[in-house]
Amino acid sequence: MVNKTERALPPIPVKRYFSLEELCYLADIQPEQFFQWQQDNGVVIGHGGNQYTRQDVVKIRKLSGSFPTYIDRFNLNGHDSLNRPAATAEEVRQDLQAVLEKIEAVLAKPQKTA
């Protein structure tokens, strides 16, 4: 198993300024992780906006091992507390079929005209 600090990061392109997306790609982190880390540590990297220098990229790459693991809070990466898929494909299909049937039933009702 490769530790976060041992992973191979992409090479830094020869340019002066980087966008947030480029910074996160080069450091192998998510933008949400970066924002949360800045908020938790009271540190602001960059000069505001969406521009980061090469030095900022190098700094974040060195610190990226201290970033918490990214968990999508909207769907918790689609897993339950035991790290199993929250819903199987069959369960999702059945739920979608039920919703579709309800929509078709509503659309099939005759509309009253005034």
PDB file of N, CA and C in Angstrom:
ATOM      1  N   MET A   1       0.842  -1.176   0.000  1.00  0.00           N
ATOM      2  CA  MET A   1       0.000   0.000   0.000  1.00  0.00           C
ATOM      3  C   MET A   1       0.888   1.240   0.000  1.00  0.00           C
ATOM      4  N   VAL A   2       0.568   2.188  -0.840  1.00  0.00           N
ATOM      5  CA  VAL A   2       1.384   3.385  -0.974  1.00  0.00           C
ATOM      6  C   VAL A   2       0.860   4.454  -0.030  1.00  0.00           C
ATOM      7  N   ASN A   3       1.743   4.996   0.801  1.00  0.00           N
ATOM      8  CA  ASN A   3       1.359   6.092   1.675  1.00  0.00           C
ATOM      9  C   ASN A   3       1.156   7.342   0.853  1.00  0.00           C
ATOM     10  N   LYS A   4       0.425   8.301   1.457  1.00  0.00           N
ATOM     11  CA  LYS A   4       0.189   9.555   0.772  1.00  0.00           C
ATOM     12  C   LYS A   4       1.500  10.253   0.444  1.00  0.00           C
ATOM     13  N   THR A   5       2.483  10.130   1.325  1.00  0.00           N
ATOM     14  CA  THR A   5       3.752  10.812   1.113  1.00  0.00           C
ATOM     15  C   THR A   5       4.627  10.093   0.098  1.00  0.00           C
ATOM     16  N   GLU A   6       4.331   8.825  -0.210  1.00  0.00           N
ATOM     17  CA  GLU A   6       5.151   8.045  -1.133  1.00  0.00           C
ATOM     18  C   GLU A   6       4.576   7.993  -2.545  1.00  0.00           C
ATOM     19  N   ARG A   7       3.421   8.569  -2.762  1.00  0.00           N
ATOM     20  CA  ARG A   7       2.801   8.491  -4.077  1.00  0.00           C
ATOM     21  C   ARG A   7       3.555   9.366  -5.078  1.00  0.00           C
ATOM     22  N   ALA A   8       3.470   8.984  -6.313  1.00  0.00           N
ATOM     23  CA  ALA A   8       4.135   9.745  -7.372  1.00  0.00           C
ATOM     24  C   ALA A   8       3.218  10.880  -7.809  1.00  0.00           C
ATOM     25  N   LEU A   9       3.692  12.094  -7.658  1.00  0.00           N
ATOM     26  CA  LEU A   9       2.921  13.259  -8.066  1.00  0.00           C
ATOM     27  C   LEU A   9       3.331  13.650  -9.481  1.00  0.00           C
ATOM     28  N   PRO A  10       2.406  14.253 -10.224  1.00  0.00           N
ATOM     29  CA  PRO A  10       2.762  14.673 -11.580  1.00  0.00           C
ATOM     30  C   PRO A  10       3.815  15.784 -11.545  1.00  0.00           C
ATOM     31  N   PRO A  11       4.629  15.883 -12.576  1.00  0.00           N
ATOM     32  CA  PRO A  11       5.641  16.944 -12.599  1.00  0.00           C
ATOM     33  C   PRO A  11       4.987  18.320 -12.685  1.00  0.00           C
ATOM     34  N   ILE A  12       5.630  19.311 -12.109  1.00  0.00           N
ATOM     35  CA  ILE A  12       5.110  20.679 -12.135  1.00  0.00           C
ATOM     36  C   ILE A  12       5.497  21.311 -13.468  1.00  0.00           C
ATOM     37  N   PRO A  13       4.516  21.785 -14.238  1.00  0.00           N
ATOM     38  CA  PRO A  13       4.832  22.423 -15.519  1.00  0.00           C
ATOM     39  C   PRO A  13       5.644  23.707 -15.316  1.00  0.00           C
ATOM     40  N   VAL A  14       6.357  24.086 -16.348  1.00  0.00           N
ATOM     41  CA  VAL A  14       7.163  25.301 -16.289  1.00  0.00           C
ATOM     42  C   VAL A  14       6.249  26.482 -16.602  1.00  0.00           C
ATOM     43  N   LYS A  15       5.704  27.070 -15.566  1.00  0.00           N
ATOM     44  CA  LYS A  15       4.890  28.272 -15.691  1.00  0.00           C
ATOM     45  C   LYS A  15       4.869  28.975 -14.349  1.00  0.00           C
ATOM     46  N   ARG A  16       4.485  30.226 -14.330  1.00  0.00           N
ATOM     47  CA  ARG A  16       4.563  31.025 -13.118  1.00  0.00           C
ATOM     48  C   ARG A  16       3.313  30.902 -12.246  1.00  0.00           C
ATOM     49  N   TYR A  17       2.133  30.923 -12.862  1.00  0.00           N
ATOM     50  CA  TYR A  17       0.892  30.915 -12.099  1.00  0.00           C
ATOM     51  C   TYR A  17       0.044  29.697 -12.440  1.00  0.00           C
ATOM     52  N   PHE A  18      -0.701  29.228 -11.425  1.00  0.00           N
ATOM     53  CA  PHE A  18      -1.539  28.047 -11.568  1.00  0.00           C
ATOM     54  C   PHE A  18      -2.929  28.349 -11.034  1.00  0.00           C
ATOM     55  N   SER A  19      -3.933  27.723 -11.636  1.00  0.00           N
ATOM     56  CA  SER A  19      -5.304  27.853 -11.136  1.00  0.00           C
ATOM     57  C   SER A  19      -5.491  26.899  -9.953  1.00  0.00           C
ATOM     58  N   LEU A  20      -6.609  27.046  -9.259  1.00  0.00           N
ATOM     59  CA  LEU A  20      -6.917  26.152  -8.139  1.00  0.00           C
ATOM     60  C   LEU A  20      -6.987  24.705  -8.621  1.00  0.00           C
ATOM     61  N   GLU A  21      -7.612  24.491  -9.770  1.00  0.00           N
ATOM     62  CA  GLU A  21      -7.740  23.135 -10.304  1.00  0.00           C
ATOM     63  C   GLU A  21      -6.368  22.533 -10.599  1.00  0.00           C
ATOM     64  N   GLU A  22      -5.479  23.342 -11.178  1.00  0.00           N
ATOM     65  CA  GLU A  22      -4.130  22.852 -11.471  1.00  0.00           C
ATOM     66  C   GLU A  22      -3.366  22.550 -10.183  1.00  0.00           C
ATOM     67  N   LEU A  23      -3.475  23.445  -9.207  1.00  0.00           N
ATOM     68  CA  LEU A  23      -2.811  23.242  -7.917  1.00  0.00           C
ATOM     69  C   LEU A  23      -3.258  21.925  -7.293  1.00  0.00           C
ATOM     70  N   CYS A  24      -4.565  21.703  -7.267  1.00  0.00           N
ATOM     71  CA  CYS A  24      -5.098  20.484  -6.649  1.00  0.00           C
ATOM     72  C   CYS A  24      -4.681  19.237  -7.427  1.00  0.00           C
ATOM     73  N   TYR A  25      -4.661  19.319  -8.741  1.00  0.00           N
ATOM     74  CA  TYR A  25      -4.216  18.181  -9.549  1.00  0.00           C
ATOM     75  C   TYR A  25      -2.754  17.858  -9.252  1.00  0.00           C
ATOM     76  N   LEU A  26      -1.920  18.890  -9.207  1.00  0.00           N
ATOM     77  CA  LEU A  26      -0.485  18.685  -8.996  1.00  0.00           C
ATOM     78  C   LEU A  26      -0.165  18.182  -7.592  1.00  0.00           C
ATOM     79  N   ALA A  27      -1.042  18.483  -6.623  1.00  0.00           N
ATOM     80  CA  ALA A  27      -0.828  18.024  -5.248  1.00  0.00           C
ATOM     81  C   ALA A  27      -1.639  16.774  -4.928  1.00  0.00           C
ATOM     82  N   ASP A  28      -2.454  16.319  -5.881  1.00  0.00           N
ATOM     83  CA  ASP A  28      -3.298  15.138  -5.704  1.00  0.00           C
ATOM     84  C   ASP A  28      -4.233  15.290  -4.508  1.00  0.00           C
ATOM     85  N   ILE A  29      -4.925  16.429  -4.479  1.00  0.00           N
ATOM     86  CA  ILE A  29      -5.922  16.706  -3.441  1.00  0.00           C
ATOM     87  C   ILE A  29      -7.173  17.253  -4.112  1.00  0.00           C
ATOM     88  N   GLN A  30      -8.257  17.324  -3.361  1.00  0.00           N
ATOM     89  CA  GLN A  30      -9.495  17.917  -3.839  1.00  0.00           C
ATOM     90  C   GLN A  30      -9.556  19.371  -3.385  1.00  0.00           C
ATOM     91  N   PRO A  31     -10.204  20.260  -4.156  1.00  0.00           N
ATOM     92  CA  PRO A  31     -10.332  21.653  -3.718  1.00  0.00           C
ATOM     93  C   PRO A  31     -10.979  21.769  -2.336  1.00  0.00           C
ATOM     94  N   GLU A  32     -11.955  20.895  -2.056  1.00  0.00           N
ATOM     95  CA  GLU A  32     -12.618  20.933  -0.755  1.00  0.00           C
ATOM     96  C   GLU A  32     -11.630  20.631   0.372  1.00  0.00           C
ATOM     97  N   GLN A  33     -10.713  19.678   0.122  1.00  0.00           N
ATOM     98  CA  GLN A  33      -9.679  19.363   1.117  1.00  0.00           C
ATOM     99  C   GLN A  33      -8.806  20.581   1.370  1.00  0.00           C
ATOM    100  N   PHE A  34      -8.431  21.263   0.300  1.00  0.00           N
ATOM    101  CA  PHE A  34      -7.557  22.425   0.395  1.00  0.00           C
ATOM    102  C   PHE A  34      -8.229  23.533   1.202  1.00  0.00           C
ATOM    103  N   PHE A  35      -9.496  23.831   0.882  1.00  0.00           N
ATOM    104  CA  PHE A  35     -10.212  24.878   1.611  1.00  0.00           C
ATOM    105  C   PHE A  35     -10.374  24.513   3.080  1.00  0.00           C
ATOM    106  N   GLN A  36     -10.729  23.258   3.365  1.00  0.00           N
ATOM    107  CA  GLN A  36     -10.913  22.817   4.748  1.00  0.00           C
ATOM    108  C   GLN A  36      -9.603  22.897   5.514  1.00  0.00           C
ATOM    109  N   TRP A  37      -8.506  22.503   4.888  1.00  0.00           N
ATOM    110  CA  TRP A  37      -7.195  22.552   5.529  1.00  0.00           C
ATOM    111  C   TRP A  37      -6.825  23.995   5.864  1.00  0.00           C
ATOM    112  N   GLN A  38      -7.067  24.916   4.926  1.00  0.00           N
ATOM    113  CA  GLN A  38      -6.772  26.329   5.186  1.00  0.00           C
ATOM    114  C   GLN A  38      -7.598  26.842   6.364  1.00  0.00           C
ATOM    115  N   GLN A  39      -8.868  26.482   6.391  1.00  0.00           N
ATOM    116  CA  GLN A  39      -9.753  26.935   7.461  1.00  0.00           C
ATOM    117  C   GLN A  39      -9.344  26.327   8.801  1.00  0.00           C
ATOM    118  N   ASP A  40      -9.050  25.045   8.830  1.00  0.00           N
ATOM    119  CA  ASP A  40      -8.680  24.372  10.076  1.00  0.00           C
ATOM    120  C   ASP A  40      -7.370  24.892  10.651  1.00  0.00           C
ATOM    121  N   ASN A  41      -6.425  25.237   9.786  1.00  0.00           N
ATOM    122  CA  ASN A  41      -5.100  25.650  10.240  1.00  0.00           C
ATOM    123  C   ASN A  41      -4.910  27.161  10.284  1.00  0.00           C
ATOM    124  N   GLY A  42      -5.904  27.921   9.854  1.00  0.00           N
ATOM    125  CA  GLY A  42      -5.779  29.375   9.870  1.00  0.00           C
ATOM    126  C   GLY A  42      -4.688  29.876   8.942  1.00  0.00           C
ATOM    127  N   VAL A  43      -4.470  29.151   7.863  1.00  0.00           N
ATOM    128  CA  VAL A  43      -3.414  29.492   6.912  1.00  0.00           C
ATOM    129  C   VAL A  43      -4.056  29.794   5.565  1.00  0.00           C
ATOM    130  N   VAL A  44      -3.580  30.849   4.920  1.00  0.00           N
ATOM    131  CA  VAL A  44      -4.056  31.158   3.580  1.00  0.00           C
ATOM    132  C   VAL A  44      -2.875  31.032   2.626  1.00  0.00           C
ATOM    133  N   ILE A  45      -3.018  30.155   1.667  1.00  0.00           N
ATOM    134  CA  ILE A  45      -1.985  29.954   0.651  1.00  0.00           C
ATOM    135  C   ILE A  45      -2.424  30.714  -0.598  1.00  0.00           C
ATOM    136  N   GLY A  46      -1.506  31.396  -1.224  1.00  0.00           N
ATOM    137  CA  GLY A  46      -1.837  32.165  -2.421  1.00  0.00           C
ATOM    138  C   GLY A  46      -2.154  33.601  -2.049  1.00  0.00           C
ATOM    139  N   HIS A  47      -2.488  34.355  -3.049  1.00  0.00           N
ATOM    140  CA  HIS A  47      -2.737  35.782  -2.842  1.00  0.00           C
ATOM    141  C   HIS A  47      -4.192  36.128  -3.106  1.00  0.00           C
ATOM    142  N   GLY A  48      -5.085  35.216  -2.832  1.00  0.00           N
ATOM    143  CA  GLY A  48      -6.499  35.456  -3.074  1.00  0.00           C
ATOM    144  C   GLY A  48      -6.862  35.098  -4.506  1.00  0.00           C
ATOM    145  N   GLY A  49      -8.127  35.066  -4.753  1.00  0.00           N
ATOM    146  CA  GLY A  49      -8.569  34.722  -6.098  1.00  0.00           C
ATOM    147  C   GLY A  49      -8.289  33.274  -6.415  1.00  0.00           C
ATOM    148  N   ASN A  50      -7.954  33.035  -7.653  1.00  0.00           N
ATOM    149  CA  ASN A  50      -7.771  31.665  -8.124  1.00  0.00           C
ATOM    150  C   ASN A  50      -6.377  31.472  -8.705  1.00  0.00           C
ATOM    151  N   GLN A  51      -5.408  32.267  -8.253  1.00  0.00           N
ATOM    152  CA  GLN A  51      -4.057  32.191  -8.798  1.00  0.00           C
ATOM    153  C   GLN A  51      -3.063  31.798  -7.719  1.00  0.00           C
ATOM    154  N   TYR A  52      -2.226  30.829  -8.038  1.00  0.00           N
ATOM    155  CA  TYR A  52      -1.215  30.343  -7.107  1.00  0.00           C
ATOM    156  C   TYR A  52       0.122  30.303  -7.836  1.00  0.00           C
ATOM    157  N   THR A  53       1.185  30.642  -7.122  1.00  0.00           N
ATOM    158  CA  THR A  53       2.513  30.650  -7.727  1.00  0.00           C
ATOM    159  C   THR A  53       3.113  29.246  -7.700  1.00  0.00           C
ATOM    160  N   ARG A  54       4.204  29.099  -8.407  1.00  0.00           N
ATOM    161  CA  ARG A  54       4.931  27.830  -8.413  1.00  0.00           C
ATOM    162  C   ARG A  54       5.371  27.472  -6.998  1.00  0.00           C
ATOM    163  N   GLN A  55       5.793  28.486  -6.233  1.00  0.00           N
ATOM    164  CA  GLN A  55       6.213  28.266  -4.848  1.00  0.00           C
ATOM    165  C   GLN A  55       5.042  27.744  -4.005  1.00  0.00           C
ATOM    166  N   ASP A  56       3.828  28.268  -4.250  1.00  0.00           N
ATOM    167  CA  ASP A  56       2.640  27.775  -3.547  1.00  0.00           C
ATOM    168  C   ASP A  56       2.400  26.302  -3.863  1.00  0.00           C
ATOM    169  N   VAL A  57       2.570  25.935  -5.127  1.00  0.00           N
ATOM    170  CA  VAL A  57       2.360  24.541  -5.540  1.00  0.00           C
ATOM    171  C   VAL A  57       3.355  23.627  -4.831  1.00  0.00           C
ATOM    172  N   VAL A  58       4.621  24.033  -4.791  1.00  0.00           N
ATOM    173  CA  VAL A  58       5.651  23.229  -4.120  1.00  0.00           C
ATOM    174  C   VAL A  58       5.319  23.087  -2.635  1.00  0.00           C
ATOM    175  N   LYS A  59       4.879  24.181  -2.014  1.00  0.00           N
ATOM    176  CA  LYS A  59       4.537  24.168  -0.591  1.00  0.00           C
ATOM    177  C   LYS A  59       3.373  23.210  -0.318  1.00  0.00           C
ATOM    178  N   ILE A  60       2.326  23.278  -1.127  1.00  0.00           N
ATOM    179  CA  ILE A  60       1.153  22.419  -0.933  1.00  0.00           C
ATOM    180  C   ILE A  60       1.512  20.956  -1.183  1.00  0.00           C
ATOM    181  N   ARG A  61       2.358  20.690  -2.159  1.00  0.00           N
ATOM    182  CA  ARG A  61       2.777  19.302  -2.403  1.00  0.00           C
ATOM    183  C   ARG A  61       3.499  18.731  -1.191  1.00  0.00           C
ATOM    184  N   LYS A  62       4.321  19.549  -0.537  1.00  0.00           N
ATOM    185  CA  LYS A  62       5.031  19.081   0.658  1.00  0.00           C
ATOM    186  C   LYS A  62       4.066  18.852   1.817  1.00  0.00           C
ATOM    187  N   LEU A  63       3.039  19.693   1.900  1.00  0.00           N
ATOM    188  CA  LEU A  63       2.085  19.607   3.005  1.00  0.00           C
ATOM    189  C   LEU A  63       0.920  18.663   2.727  1.00  0.00           C
ATOM    190  N   SER A  64       0.780  18.174   1.513  1.00  0.00           N
ATOM    191  CA  SER A  64      -0.418  17.410   1.154  1.00  0.00           C
ATOM    192  C   SER A  64      -0.593  16.140   1.985  1.00  0.00           C
ATOM    193  N   GLY A  65       0.474  15.622   2.568  1.00  0.00           N
ATOM    194  CA  GLY A  65       0.347  14.456   3.440  1.00  0.00           C
ATOM    195  C   GLY A  65      -0.404  14.764   4.721  1.00  0.00           C
ATOM    196  N   SER A  66      -0.480  16.049   5.086  1.00  0.00           N
ATOM    197  CA  SER A  66      -1.185  16.431   6.312  1.00  0.00           C
ATOM    198  C   SER A  66      -2.656  16.748   6.053  1.00  0.00           C
ATOM    199  N   PHE A  67      -3.098  16.654   4.800  1.00  0.00           N
ATOM    200  CA  PHE A  67      -4.488  16.950   4.483  1.00  0.00           C
ATOM    201  C   PHE A  67      -5.359  15.771   4.897  1.00  0.00           C
ATOM    202  N   PRO A  68      -6.525  16.038   5.468  1.00  0.00           N
ATOM    203  CA  PRO A  68      -7.416  14.927   5.834  1.00  0.00           C
ATOM    204  C   PRO A  68      -7.928  14.229   4.579  1.00  0.00           C
ATOM    205  N   THR A  69      -8.299  12.973   4.721  1.00  0.00           N
ATOM    206  CA  THR A  69      -8.859  12.220   3.609  1.00  0.00           C
ATOM    207  C   THR A  69     -10.134  12.894   3.145  1.00  0.00           C
ATOM    208  N   TYR A  70     -10.300  12.988   1.841  1.00  0.00           N
ATOM    209  CA  TYR A  70     -11.484  13.646   1.293  1.00  0.00           C
ATOM    210  C   TYR A  70     -12.684  12.715   1.355  1.00  0.00           C
ATOM    211  N   ILE A  71     -13.767  13.215   1.936  1.00  0.00           N
ATOM    212  CA  ILE A  71     -15.034  12.493   1.965  1.00  0.00           C
ATOM    213  C   ILE A  71     -16.083  13.428   1.399  1.00  0.00           C
ATOM    214  N   ASP A  72     -16.726  12.995   0.348  1.00  0.00           N
ATOM    215  CA  ASP A  72     -17.782  13.789  -0.257  1.00  0.00           C
ATOM    216  C   ASP A  72     -18.951  13.798   0.716  1.00  0.00           C
ATOM    217  N   ARG A  73     -19.220  14.943   1.318  1.00  0.00           N
ATOM    218  CA  ARG A  73     -20.255  15.005   2.353  1.00  0.00           C
ATOM    219  C   ARG A  73     -21.654  14.893   1.781  1.00  0.00           C
ATOM    220  N   PHE A  74     -21.800  15.089   0.481  1.00  0.00           N
ATOM    221  CA  PHE A  74     -23.128  14.980  -0.114  1.00  0.00           C
ATOM    222  C   PHE A  74     -23.592  13.533  -0.128  1.00  0.00           C
ATOM    223  N   ASN A  75     -22.719  12.630  -0.517  1.00  0.00           N
ATOM    224  CA  ASN A  75     -23.129  11.224  -0.563  1.00  0.00           C
ATOM    225  C   ASN A  75     -22.179  10.291   0.179  1.00  0.00           C
ATOM    226  N   LEU A  76     -21.229  10.853   0.926  1.00  0.00           N
ATOM    227  CA  LEU A  76     -20.259  10.058   1.678  1.00  0.00           C
ATOM    228  C   LEU A  76     -19.614   8.997   0.793  1.00  0.00           C
ATOM    229  N   ASN A  77     -19.305   9.408  -0.422  1.00  0.00           N
ATOM    230  CA  ASN A  77     -18.677   8.539  -1.418  1.00  0.00           C
ATOM    231  C   ASN A  77     -19.525   7.308  -1.734  1.00  0.00           C
ATOM    232  N   GLY A  78     -20.824   7.401  -1.488  1.00  0.00           N
ATOM    233  CA  GLY A  78     -21.726   6.317  -1.838  1.00  0.00           C
ATOM    234  C   GLY A  78     -21.633   5.091  -0.957  1.00  0.00           C
ATOM    235  N   HIS A  79     -21.039   5.212   0.239  1.00  0.00           N
ATOM    236  CA  HIS A  79     -20.871   4.070   1.131  1.00  0.00           C
ATOM    237  C   HIS A  79     -21.520   4.335   2.482  1.00  0.00           C
ATOM    238  N   ASP A  80     -21.945   3.260   3.136  1.00  0.00           N
ATOM    239  CA  ASP A  80     -22.513   3.393   4.468  1.00  0.00           C
ATOM    240  C   ASP A  80     -21.399   3.359   5.514  1.00  0.00           C
ATOM    241  N   SER A  81     -21.777   3.323   6.793  1.00  0.00           N
ATOM    242  CA  SER A  81     -20.784   3.373   7.868  1.00  0.00           C
ATOM    243  C   SER A  81     -19.864   2.150   7.896  1.00  0.00           C
ATOM    244  N   LEU A  82     -20.276   1.042   7.285  1.00  0.00           N
ATOM    245  CA  LEU A  82     -19.441  -0.159   7.227  1.00  0.00           C
ATOM    246  C   LEU A  82     -18.669  -0.248   5.913  1.00  0.00           C
ATOM    247  N   ASN A  83     -18.646   0.854   5.164  1.00  0.00           N
ATOM    248  CA  ASN A  83     -17.931   0.961   3.899  1.00  0.00           C
ATOM    249  C   ASN A  83     -18.479   0.019   2.829  1.00  0.00           C
ATOM    250  N   ARG A  84     -19.773  -0.263   2.919  1.00  0.00           N
ATOM    251  CA  ARG A  84     -20.449  -1.032   1.877  1.00  0.00           C
ATOM    252  C   ARG A  84     -21.193  -0.039   0.996  1.00  0.00           C
ATOM    253  N   PRO A  85     -21.446  -0.374  -0.248  1.00  0.00           N
ATOM    254  CA  PRO A  85     -22.240   0.536  -1.078  1.00  0.00           C
ATOM    255  C   PRO A  85     -23.570   0.835  -0.391  1.00  0.00           C
ATOM    256  N   ALA A  86     -23.949   2.104  -0.364  1.00  0.00           N
ATOM    257  CA  ALA A  86     -25.175   2.506   0.322  1.00  0.00           C
ATOM    258  C   ALA A  86     -26.405   1.876  -0.320  1.00  0.00           C
ATOM    259  N   ALA A  87     -26.362   1.635  -1.622  1.00  0.00           N
ATOM    260  CA  ALA A  87     -27.471   0.985  -2.309  1.00  0.00           C
ATOM    261  C   ALA A  87     -26.907   0.155  -3.451  1.00  0.00           C
ATOM    262  N   THR A  88     -27.496  -1.008  -3.635  1.00  0.00           N
ATOM    263  CA  THR A  88     -27.058  -1.843  -4.753  1.00  0.00           C
ATOM    264  C   THR A  88     -27.688  -1.316  -6.035  1.00  0.00           C
ATOM    265  N   ALA A  89     -27.177  -1.758  -7.144  1.00  0.00           N
ATOM    266  CA  ALA A  89     -27.715  -1.332  -8.434  1.00  0.00           C
ATOM    267  C   ALA A  89     -29.182  -1.743  -8.560  1.00  0.00           C
ATOM    268  N   GLU A  90     -29.517  -2.909  -8.047  1.00  0.00           N
ATOM    269  CA  GLU A  90     -30.901  -3.386  -8.123  1.00  0.00           C
ATOM    270  C   GLU A  90     -31.825  -2.504  -7.284  1.00  0.00           C
ATOM    271  N   GLU A  91     -31.390  -2.105  -6.100  1.00  0.00           N
ATOM    272  CA  GLU A  91     -32.204  -1.223  -5.254  1.00  0.00           C
ATOM    273  C   GLU A  91     -32.419   0.130  -5.927  1.00  0.00           C
ATOM    274  N   VAL A  92     -31.381   0.651  -6.521  1.00  0.00           N
ATOM    275  CA  VAL A  92     -31.503   1.932  -7.224  1.00  0.00           C
ATOM    276  C   VAL A  92     -32.459   1.792  -8.399  1.00  0.00           C
ATOM    277  N   ARG A  93     -32.340   0.689  -9.151  1.00  0.00           N
ATOM    278  CA  ARG A  93     -33.220   0.465 -10.289  1.00  0.00           C
ATOM    279  C   ARG A  93     -34.680   0.386  -9.846  1.00  0.00           C
ATOM    280  N   GLN A  94     -34.948  -0.341  -8.749  1.00  0.00           N
ATOM    281  CA  GLN A  94     -36.316  -0.468  -8.248  1.00  0.00           C
ATOM    282  C   GLN A  94     -36.867   0.882  -7.791  1.00  0.00           C
ATOM    283  N   ASP A  95     -36.045   1.662  -7.104  1.00  0.00           N
ATOM    284  CA  ASP A  95     -36.493   2.984  -6.657  1.00  0.00           C
ATOM    285  C   ASP A  95     -36.803   3.896  -7.841  1.00  0.00           C
ATOM    286  N   LEU A  96     -35.944   3.866  -8.843  1.00  0.00           N
ATOM    287  CA  LEU A  96     -36.179   4.692 -10.027  1.00  0.00           C
ATOM    288  C   LEU A  96     -37.419   4.234 -10.785  1.00  0.00           C
ATOM    289  N   GLN A  97     -37.636   2.930 -10.835  1.00  0.00           N
ATOM    290  CA  GLN A  97     -38.829   2.401 -11.495  1.00  0.00           C
ATOM    291  C   GLN A  97     -40.088   2.870 -10.765  1.00  0.00           C
ATOM    292  N   ALA A  98     -40.063   2.870  -9.437  1.00  0.00           N
ATOM    293  CA  ALA A  98     -41.216   3.335  -8.657  1.00  0.00           C
ATOM    294  C   ALA A  98     -41.488   4.815  -8.912  1.00  0.00           C
ATOM    295  N   VAL A  99     -40.443   5.616  -8.975  1.00  0.00           N
ATOM    296  CA  VAL A  99     -40.613   7.048  -9.256  1.00  0.00           C
ATOM    297  C   VAL A  99     -41.185   7.239 -10.652  1.00  0.00           C
ATOM    298  N   LEU A 100     -40.673   6.499 -11.620  1.00  0.00           N
ATOM    299  CA  LEU A 100     -41.161   6.592 -12.991  1.00  0.00           C
ATOM    300  C   LEU A 100     -42.639   6.223 -13.069  1.00  0.00           C
ATOM    301  N   GLU A 101     -43.048   5.182 -12.356  1.00  0.00           N
ATOM    302  CA  GLU A 101     -44.456   4.774 -12.356  1.00  0.00           C
ATOM    303  C   GLU A 101     -45.339   5.863 -11.766  1.00  0.00           C
ATOM    304  N   LYS A 102     -44.881   6.525 -10.708  1.00  0.00           N
ATOM    305  CA  LYS A 102     -45.653   7.626 -10.118  1.00  0.00           C
ATOM    306  C   LYS A 102     -45.791   8.784 -11.101  1.00  0.00           C
ATOM    307  N   ILE A 103     -44.724   9.099 -11.789  1.00  0.00           N
ATOM    308  CA  ILE A 103     -44.767  10.193 -12.767  1.00  0.00           C
ATOM    309  C   ILE A 103     -45.723   9.849 -13.900  1.00  0.00           C
ATOM    310  N   GLU A 104     -45.641   8.619 -14.399  1.00  0.00           N
ATOM    311  CA  GLU A 104     -46.526   8.200 -15.484  1.00  0.00           C
ATOM    312  C   GLU A 104     -47.982   8.216 -15.040  1.00  0.00           C
ATOM    313  N   ALA A 105     -48.251   7.847 -13.776  1.00  0.00           N
ATOM    314  CA  ALA A 105     -49.625   7.862 -13.264  1.00  0.00           C
ATOM    315  C   ALA A 105     -50.164   9.289 -13.215  1.00  0.00           C
ATOM    316  N   VAL A 106     -49.354  10.220 -12.793  1.00  0.00           N
ATOM    317  CA  VAL A 106     -49.788  11.619 -12.734  1.00  0.00           C
ATOM    318  C   VAL A 106     -50.023  12.158 -14.141  1.00  0.00           C
ATOM    319  N   LEU A 107     -49.141  11.833 -15.057  1.00  0.00           N
ATOM    320  CA  LEU A 107     -49.290  12.319 -16.429  1.00  0.00           C
ATOM    321  C   LEU A 107     -50.469  11.676 -17.148  1.00  0.00           C
ATOM    322  N   ALA A 108     -50.869  10.475 -16.741  1.00  0.00           N
ATOM    323  CA  ALA A 108     -51.967   9.767 -17.394  1.00  0.00           C
ATOM    324  C   ALA A 108     -53.335  10.292 -16.968  1.00  0.00           C
ATOM    325  N   LYS A 109     -53.401  11.013 -15.854  1.00  0.00           N
ATOM    326  CA  LYS A 109     -54.681  11.545 -15.388  1.00  0.00           C
ATOM    327  C   LYS A 109     -55.165  12.612 -16.364  1.00  0.00           C
ATOM    328  N   PRO A 110     -56.488  12.588 -16.652  1.00  0.00           N
ATOM    329  CA  PRO A 110     -57.014  13.625 -17.545  1.00  0.00           C
ATOM    330  C   PRO A 110     -56.923  14.995 -16.865  1.00  0.00           C
ATOM    331  N   GLN A 111     -56.584  15.984 -17.660  1.00  0.00           N
ATOM    332  CA  GLN A 111     -56.442  17.331 -17.120  1.00  0.00           C
ATOM    333  C   GLN A 111     -57.780  18.046 -17.202  1.00  0.00           C
ATOM    334  N   LYS A 112     -58.117  18.766 -16.142  1.00  0.00           N
ATOM    335  CA  LYS A 112     -59.352  19.550 -16.121  1.00  0.00           C
ATOM    336  C   LYS A 112     -59.104  20.855 -16.867  1.00  0.00           C
ATOM    337  N   THR A 113     -60.047  21.206 -17.717  1.00  0.00           N
ATOM    338  CA  THR A 113     -59.935  22.481 -18.421  1.00  0.00           C
ATOM    339  C   THR A 113     -60.929  23.450 -17.829  1.00  0.00           C
ATOM    340  N   ALA A 114     -60.557  24.682 -17.751  1.00  0.00           N
ATOM    341  CA  ALA A 114     -61.424  25.690 -17.132  1.00  0.00           C
ATOM    342  C   ALA A 114     -62.293  26.361 -18.143  1.00  0.00           C
TER     343      ALA A 114
END
